[in-house]
Amino acid sequence: MVRTLPISRPAPRTPKPPTTRPPRVPTPAPPPPKPLVRVQVIAREFSLTLSRRTFAAGIVAVELDNFGQDPHDLRVERADSASTGFSFSLAKPRTVSSRKLELSPGEWKLYCTLPGHEELGMSARVTVTG
């Protein structure tokens, strides 16, 4: 004799409530890097000509182009503190040298340090804005 057993069916599953996660807060993108400011300083007997006189604080590429017939150098210092500054080495005529400087807001003085050159007109000032 064959016995038939009732088929048991699994109990219907109760759906689990969806797990709630806190909403993702987007991480703000870092600010884009500041473009590199470039300042060209043309030295001649006896003048300094700058490509710009006002720019934002930060890293500044200063290029000294000696278009003169004599060697010249360049000192870049805060107008209110001679102890805060940067010096370029002596540049022979028809040479170019450059340095990246970090300049803070304020008034900055640029000049040739060779004896008598500043007094003859080899100086200029720039304003660095915050």
N, C-alpha and C. Protein backbone atom coordinates (compact mmCIF):
# COMPACT_ATOMS: atom_id res chain seq x y z
N MET A 1 0.82 -1.14 0.00
CA MET A 1 0.00 0.00 0.00
C MET A 1 0.89 1.23 0.00
N VAL A 2 0.48 2.11 -0.74
CA VAL A 2 1.22 3.36 -0.86
C VAL A 2 0.53 4.39 -0.01
N ARG A 3 1.34 4.92 0.75
CA ARG A 3 0.78 5.92 1.64
C ARG A 3 1.15 7.30 1.13
N THR A 4 0.26 8.14 1.11
CA THR A 4 0.49 9.49 0.65
C THR A 4 0.59 10.39 1.86
N LEU A 5 1.70 11.10 1.85
CA LEU A 5 1.89 12.05 2.95
C LEU A 5 1.55 13.45 2.45
N PRO A 6 0.99 14.20 3.30
CA PRO A 6 0.68 15.56 2.87
C PRO A 6 1.99 16.32 2.61
N ILE A 7 1.95 17.12 1.59
CA ILE A 7 3.10 17.94 1.25
C ILE A 7 3.08 19.17 2.14
N SER A 8 4.19 19.31 2.80
CA SER A 8 4.24 20.50 3.65
C SER A 8 4.89 21.63 2.87
N ARG A 9 4.28 22.69 2.96
CA ARG A 9 4.80 23.87 2.27
C ARG A 9 5.43 24.79 3.30
N PRO A 10 6.56 25.42 2.89
CA PRO A 10 7.16 26.34 3.86
C PRO A 10 6.24 27.52 4.11
N ALA A 11 6.34 27.99 5.28
CA ALA A 11 5.53 29.15 5.65
C ALA A 11 5.99 30.35 4.82
N PRO A 12 5.07 31.18 4.39
CA PRO A 12 5.48 32.36 3.61
C PRO A 12 6.41 33.23 4.45
N ARG A 13 7.43 33.73 3.78
CA ARG A 13 8.39 34.60 4.48
C ARG A 13 7.85 35.99 4.57
N THR A 14 8.10 36.55 5.69
CA THR A 14 7.72 37.94 5.88
C THR A 14 8.89 38.78 5.39
N PRO A 15 8.65 39.69 4.45
CA PRO A 15 9.78 40.50 3.96
C PRO A 15 10.36 41.35 5.08
N LYS A 16 11.69 41.40 5.08
CA LYS A 16 12.37 42.23 6.09
C LYS A 16 12.25 43.68 5.67
N PRO A 17 12.06 44.52 6.64
CA PRO A 17 12.03 45.94 6.28
C PRO A 17 13.39 46.35 5.76
N PRO A 18 13.43 47.24 4.79
CA PRO A 18 14.73 47.65 4.24
C PRO A 18 15.56 48.34 5.33
N THR A 19 16.84 48.03 5.29
CA THR A 19 17.72 48.69 6.26
C THR A 19 17.93 50.12 5.79
N THR A 20 17.84 50.99 6.72
CA THR A 20 18.02 52.40 6.36
C THR A 20 19.44 52.80 6.72
N ARG A 21 20.10 53.32 5.73
CA ARG A 21 21.45 53.84 5.93
C ARG A 21 21.36 55.35 5.92
N PRO A 22 22.23 55.96 6.69
CA PRO A 22 22.21 57.42 6.65
C PRO A 22 22.59 57.88 5.23
N PRO A 23 22.00 58.95 4.79
CA PRO A 23 22.33 59.42 3.43
C PRO A 23 23.81 59.79 3.36
N ARG A 24 24.39 59.52 2.23
CA ARG A 24 25.80 59.87 2.04
C ARG A 24 25.93 61.36 1.85
N VAL A 25 26.80 61.91 2.64
CA VAL A 25 27.07 63.33 2.51
C VAL A 25 28.25 63.45 1.55
N PRO A 26 28.06 64.11 0.43
CA PRO A 26 29.17 64.20 -0.52
C PRO A 26 30.34 64.98 0.09
N THR A 27 31.51 64.44 -0.13
CA THR A 27 32.72 65.11 0.33
C THR A 27 33.03 66.24 -0.64
N PRO A 28 33.17 67.44 -0.13
CA PRO A 28 33.45 68.54 -1.06
C PRO A 28 34.79 68.32 -1.75
N ALA A 29 34.82 68.64 -3.00
CA ALA A 29 36.06 68.52 -3.76
C ALA A 29 37.06 69.55 -3.25
N PRO A 30 38.34 69.18 -3.25
CA PRO A 30 39.32 70.18 -2.81
C PRO A 30 39.33 71.34 -3.79
N PRO A 31 39.65 72.52 -3.30
CA PRO A 31 39.66 73.67 -4.21
C PRO A 31 40.73 73.46 -5.28
N PRO A 32 40.49 73.97 -6.46
CA PRO A 32 41.51 73.82 -7.50
C PRO A 32 42.77 74.58 -7.09
N PRO A 33 43.93 74.09 -7.50
CA PRO A 33 45.16 74.80 -7.13
C PRO A 33 45.18 76.18 -7.78
N LYS A 34 45.78 77.09 -7.05
CA LYS A 34 45.92 78.44 -7.59
C LYS A 34 46.86 78.39 -8.78
N PRO A 35 46.54 79.13 -9.82
CA PRO A 35 47.50 79.16 -10.93
C PRO A 35 48.79 79.84 -10.47
N LEU A 36 49.88 79.36 -11.01
CA LEU A 36 51.18 79.92 -10.65
C LEU A 36 51.29 81.34 -11.22
N VAL A 37 51.56 82.28 -10.34
CA VAL A 37 51.75 83.67 -10.76
C VAL A 37 53.18 83.81 -11.28
N ARG A 38 53.32 84.47 -12.39
CA ARG A 38 54.65 84.71 -12.96
C ARG A 38 54.90 86.22 -13.03
N VAL A 39 56.10 86.61 -12.63
CA VAL A 39 56.49 88.02 -12.69
C VAL A 39 57.85 88.08 -13.38
N GLN A 40 57.90 88.81 -14.47
CA GLN A 40 59.16 89.00 -15.18
C GLN A 40 59.76 90.33 -14.73
N VAL A 41 61.04 90.29 -14.41
CA VAL A 41 61.77 91.49 -14.01
C VAL A 41 62.89 91.69 -15.04
N ILE A 42 62.78 92.77 -15.80
CA ILE A 42 63.80 93.07 -16.81
C ILE A 42 64.75 94.10 -16.22
N ALA A 43 66.03 93.73 -16.17
CA ALA A 43 67.06 94.62 -15.63
C ALA A 43 67.87 95.21 -16.78
N ARG A 44 68.02 96.53 -16.73
CA ARG A 44 68.87 97.27 -17.67
C ARG A 44 69.60 98.34 -16.87
N GLU A 45 70.58 98.96 -17.49
CA GLU A 45 71.23 100.08 -16.83
C GLU A 45 70.33 101.30 -16.98
N PHE A 46 69.82 101.87 -16.04
CA PHE A 46 69.70 101.50 -14.64
C PHE A 46 68.22 101.54 -14.31
N SER A 47 67.54 100.45 -14.62
CA SER A 47 66.10 100.36 -14.35
C SER A 47 65.70 98.91 -14.17
N LEU A 48 64.56 98.74 -13.49
CA LEU A 48 63.89 97.44 -13.39
C LEU A 48 62.49 97.64 -13.95
N THR A 49 62.10 96.81 -14.90
CA THR A 49 60.76 96.86 -15.47
C THR A 49 60.06 95.56 -15.11
N LEU A 50 58.86 95.68 -14.51
CA LEU A 50 58.12 94.50 -14.05
C LEU A 50 56.95 94.21 -14.99
N SER A 51 56.64 92.93 -15.17
CA SER A 51 55.50 92.55 -16.00
C SER A 51 54.18 92.79 -15.29
N ARG A 52 54.19 92.85 -13.97
CA ARG A 52 52.99 93.17 -13.18
C ARG A 52 53.41 93.71 -11.83
N ARG A 53 52.55 94.54 -11.26
CA ARG A 53 52.88 95.17 -9.98
C ARG A 53 51.93 94.76 -8.86
N THR A 54 50.89 94.02 -9.19
CA THR A 54 49.94 93.53 -8.18
C THR A 54 49.57 92.10 -8.53
N PHE A 55 49.56 91.24 -7.52
CA PHE A 55 49.16 89.85 -7.73
C PHE A 55 48.82 89.23 -6.38
N ALA A 56 48.22 88.03 -6.43
CA ALA A 56 47.76 87.35 -5.21
C ALA A 56 48.92 86.67 -4.49
N ALA A 57 48.77 86.54 -3.17
CA ALA A 57 49.76 85.87 -2.34
C ALA A 57 49.86 84.40 -2.72
N GLY A 58 51.02 83.83 -2.44
CA GLY A 58 51.24 82.41 -2.72
C GLY A 58 52.57 82.21 -3.42
N ILE A 59 52.67 81.11 -4.14
CA ILE A 59 53.90 80.80 -4.87
C ILE A 59 53.96 81.67 -6.12
N VAL A 60 55.07 82.35 -6.29
CA VAL A 60 55.27 83.27 -7.41
C VAL A 60 56.58 82.90 -8.11
N ALA A 61 56.51 82.73 -9.42
CA ALA A 61 57.72 82.47 -10.20
C ALA A 61 58.26 83.82 -10.65
N VAL A 62 59.41 84.20 -10.10
CA VAL A 62 60.03 85.48 -10.45
C VAL A 62 61.18 85.18 -11.40
N GLU A 63 61.14 85.84 -12.55
CA GLU A 63 62.17 85.63 -13.58
C GLU A 63 62.96 86.92 -13.75
N LEU A 64 64.26 86.83 -13.56
CA LEU A 64 65.16 87.96 -13.74
C LEU A 64 65.81 87.84 -15.11
N ASP A 65 65.49 88.78 -16.00
CA ASP A 65 66.08 88.83 -17.34
C ASP A 65 67.04 90.01 -17.38
N ASN A 66 68.33 89.72 -17.49
CA ASN A 66 69.31 90.80 -17.53
C ASN A 66 69.54 91.19 -18.99
N PHE A 67 68.87 92.27 -19.40
CA PHE A 67 69.03 92.80 -20.75
C PHE A 67 70.09 93.89 -20.80
N GLY A 68 70.76 94.10 -19.67
CA GLY A 68 71.77 95.14 -19.61
C GLY A 68 73.12 94.69 -20.13
N GLN A 69 74.07 95.61 -20.06
CA GLN A 69 75.43 95.31 -20.50
C GLN A 69 76.33 94.94 -19.32
N ASP A 70 75.83 95.17 -18.10
CA ASP A 70 76.59 94.86 -16.90
C ASP A 70 75.88 93.74 -16.13
N PRO A 71 76.60 93.05 -15.25
CA PRO A 71 75.95 92.07 -14.38
C PRO A 71 75.02 92.78 -13.40
N HIS A 72 73.92 92.12 -13.03
CA HIS A 72 72.98 92.63 -12.03
C HIS A 72 72.49 91.46 -11.20
N ASP A 73 72.05 91.76 -9.99
CA ASP A 73 71.39 90.76 -9.17
C ASP A 73 70.02 91.29 -8.78
N LEU A 74 69.32 90.55 -7.93
CA LEU A 74 67.99 90.99 -7.52
C LEU A 74 67.74 90.55 -6.10
N ARG A 75 67.23 91.47 -5.32
CA ARG A 75 66.79 91.19 -3.94
C ARG A 75 65.30 91.48 -3.89
N VAL A 76 64.53 90.54 -3.32
CA VAL A 76 63.09 90.71 -3.14
C VAL A 76 62.85 90.63 -1.64
N GLU A 77 62.35 91.71 -1.05
CA GLU A 77 62.14 91.71 0.40
C GLU A 77 60.89 92.51 0.76
N ARG A 78 60.33 92.18 1.91
CA ARG A 78 59.18 92.95 2.40
C ARG A 78 59.62 94.40 2.59
N ALA A 79 58.76 95.32 2.21
CA ALA A 79 59.10 96.74 2.34
C ALA A 79 59.26 97.14 3.80
N ASP A 80 58.57 96.41 4.70
CA ASP A 80 58.62 96.77 6.12
C ASP A 80 59.61 95.91 6.92
N SER A 81 60.34 95.01 6.26
CA SER A 81 61.26 94.14 6.99
C SER A 81 62.33 93.60 6.05
N ALA A 82 63.50 94.22 6.08
CA ALA A 82 64.58 93.81 5.19
C ALA A 82 65.07 92.39 5.50
N SER A 83 64.78 91.90 6.71
CA SER A 83 65.25 90.56 7.08
C SER A 83 64.41 89.46 6.44
N THR A 84 63.24 89.81 5.89
CA THR A 84 62.39 88.83 5.23
C THR A 84 62.53 89.01 3.74
N GLY A 85 63.25 88.10 3.09
CA GLY A 85 63.42 88.28 1.66
C GLY A 85 64.16 87.15 0.99
N PHE A 86 64.39 87.36 -0.30
CA PHE A 86 65.02 86.36 -1.17
C PHE A 86 66.04 87.07 -2.05
N SER A 87 67.15 86.40 -2.32
CA SER A 87 68.18 86.98 -3.17
C SER A 87 68.45 86.11 -4.38
N PHE A 88 68.60 86.75 -5.51
CA PHE A 88 69.03 86.09 -6.74
C PHE A 88 70.53 86.31 -6.87
N SER A 89 71.23 85.33 -7.39
CA SER A 89 72.66 85.50 -7.56
C SER A 89 72.94 86.44 -8.74
N LEU A 90 74.17 86.84 -8.86
CA LEU A 90 74.58 87.77 -9.90
C LEU A 90 74.31 87.16 -11.27
N ALA A 91 73.62 87.93 -12.12
CA ALA A 91 73.27 87.47 -13.46
C ALA A 91 74.13 88.21 -14.48
N LYS A 92 74.81 87.46 -15.31
CA LYS A 92 75.62 88.07 -16.36
C LYS A 92 74.70 88.69 -17.41
N PRO A 93 75.22 89.61 -18.22
CA PRO A 93 74.40 90.20 -19.28
C PRO A 93 73.82 89.12 -20.20
N ARG A 94 72.60 89.36 -20.65
CA ARG A 94 71.87 88.47 -21.57
C ARG A 94 71.62 87.09 -21.00
N THR A 95 71.42 87.01 -19.69
CA THR A 95 71.06 85.74 -19.07
C THR A 95 69.71 85.86 -18.37
N VAL A 96 69.11 84.71 -18.10
CA VAL A 96 67.82 84.64 -17.44
C VAL A 96 67.95 83.68 -16.26
N SER A 97 67.42 84.08 -15.11
CA SER A 97 67.37 83.17 -13.97
C SER A 97 65.99 83.31 -13.33
N SER A 98 65.53 82.24 -12.73
CA SER A 98 64.21 82.31 -12.10
C SER A 98 64.20 81.51 -10.81
N ARG A 99 63.28 81.91 -9.94
CA ARG A 99 63.07 81.25 -8.65
C ARG A 99 61.60 81.28 -8.33
N LYS A 100 61.16 80.25 -7.64
CA LYS A 100 59.79 80.25 -7.12
C LYS A 100 59.88 80.71 -5.67
N LEU A 101 59.13 81.77 -5.38
CA LEU A 101 59.14 82.37 -4.04
C LEU A 101 57.75 82.29 -3.46
N GLU A 102 57.65 82.15 -2.16
CA GLU A 102 56.35 82.22 -1.50
C GLU A 102 56.23 83.60 -0.87
N LEU A 103 55.34 84.41 -1.45
CA LEU A 103 55.18 85.78 -0.98
C LEU A 103 53.85 85.93 -0.26
N SER A 104 53.92 86.53 0.92
CA SER A 104 52.73 86.79 1.72
C SER A 104 52.16 88.17 1.37
N PRO A 105 50.92 88.44 1.77
CA PRO A 105 50.34 89.74 1.45
C PRO A 105 51.15 90.89 2.04
N GLY A 106 51.18 91.97 1.30
CA GLY A 106 51.90 93.16 1.75
C GLY A 106 52.62 93.83 0.59
N GLU A 107 53.43 94.79 0.96
CA GLU A 107 54.23 95.55 -0.02
C GLU A 107 55.63 94.93 -0.06
N TRP A 108 56.13 94.64 -1.27
CA TRP A 108 57.43 94.04 -1.46
C TRP A 108 58.30 94.93 -2.32
N LYS A 109 59.57 94.98 -2.00
CA LYS A 109 60.53 95.83 -2.70
C LYS A 109 61.48 94.92 -3.48
N LEU A 110 61.76 95.28 -4.74
CA LEU A 110 62.72 94.56 -5.57
C LEU A 110 63.81 95.54 -5.96
N TYR A 111 65.07 95.12 -5.87
CA TYR A 111 66.15 96.04 -6.22
C TYR A 111 67.44 95.27 -6.50
N CYS A 112 68.33 95.92 -7.22
CA CYS A 112 69.67 95.39 -7.48
C CYS A 112 70.55 95.82 -6.31
N THR A 113 71.28 94.86 -5.74
CA THR A 113 72.08 95.16 -4.54
C THR A 113 73.49 95.65 -4.85
N LEU A 114 73.87 95.70 -6.12
CA LEU A 114 75.22 96.17 -6.44
C LEU A 114 75.36 97.64 -6.05
N PRO A 115 76.53 98.05 -5.59
CA PRO A 115 76.71 99.42 -5.09
C PRO A 115 76.25 100.47 -6.10
N GLY A 116 75.37 101.34 -5.64
CA GLY A 116 74.88 102.46 -6.43
C GLY A 116 73.75 102.14 -7.40
N HIS A 117 73.49 100.86 -7.68
CA HIS A 117 72.48 100.53 -8.68
C HIS A 117 71.06 100.89 -8.23
N GLU A 118 70.73 100.62 -6.98
CA GLU A 118 69.39 100.97 -6.49
C GLU A 118 69.18 102.48 -6.58
N GLU A 119 70.16 103.24 -6.16
CA GLU A 119 70.04 104.70 -6.17
C GLU A 119 69.93 105.25 -7.60
N LEU A 120 70.46 104.52 -8.58
CA LEU A 120 70.39 104.97 -9.97
C LEU A 120 69.08 104.55 -10.66
N GLY A 121 68.19 103.89 -9.91
CA GLY A 121 66.87 103.57 -10.47
C GLY A 121 66.55 102.09 -10.59
N MET A 122 67.42 101.22 -10.12
CA MET A 122 67.15 99.79 -10.23
C MET A 122 66.38 99.30 -9.00
N SER A 123 65.15 99.80 -8.87
CA SER A 123 64.28 99.36 -7.78
C SER A 123 62.83 99.48 -8.23
N ALA A 124 61.99 98.66 -7.61
CA ALA A 124 60.56 98.69 -7.92
C ALA A 124 59.81 98.10 -6.73
N ARG A 125 58.51 98.29 -6.70
CA ARG A 125 57.68 97.75 -5.62
C ARG A 125 56.50 97.01 -6.23
N VAL A 126 56.06 95.95 -5.52
CA VAL A 126 54.87 95.23 -5.91
C VAL A 126 53.97 95.11 -4.70
N THR A 127 52.68 94.97 -4.97
CA THR A 127 51.69 94.76 -3.92
C THR A 127 51.17 93.34 -4.05
N VAL A 128 51.30 92.57 -2.95
CA VAL A 128 50.80 91.21 -2.92
C VAL A 128 49.51 91.24 -2.11
N THR A 129 48.41 90.82 -2.74
CA THR A 129 47.11 90.90 -2.10
C THR A 129 46.80 89.59 -1.38
N GLY A 130 45.93 89.69 -0.38
CA GLY A 130 45.54 88.51 0.41
C GLY A 130 44.49 87.79 -0.25
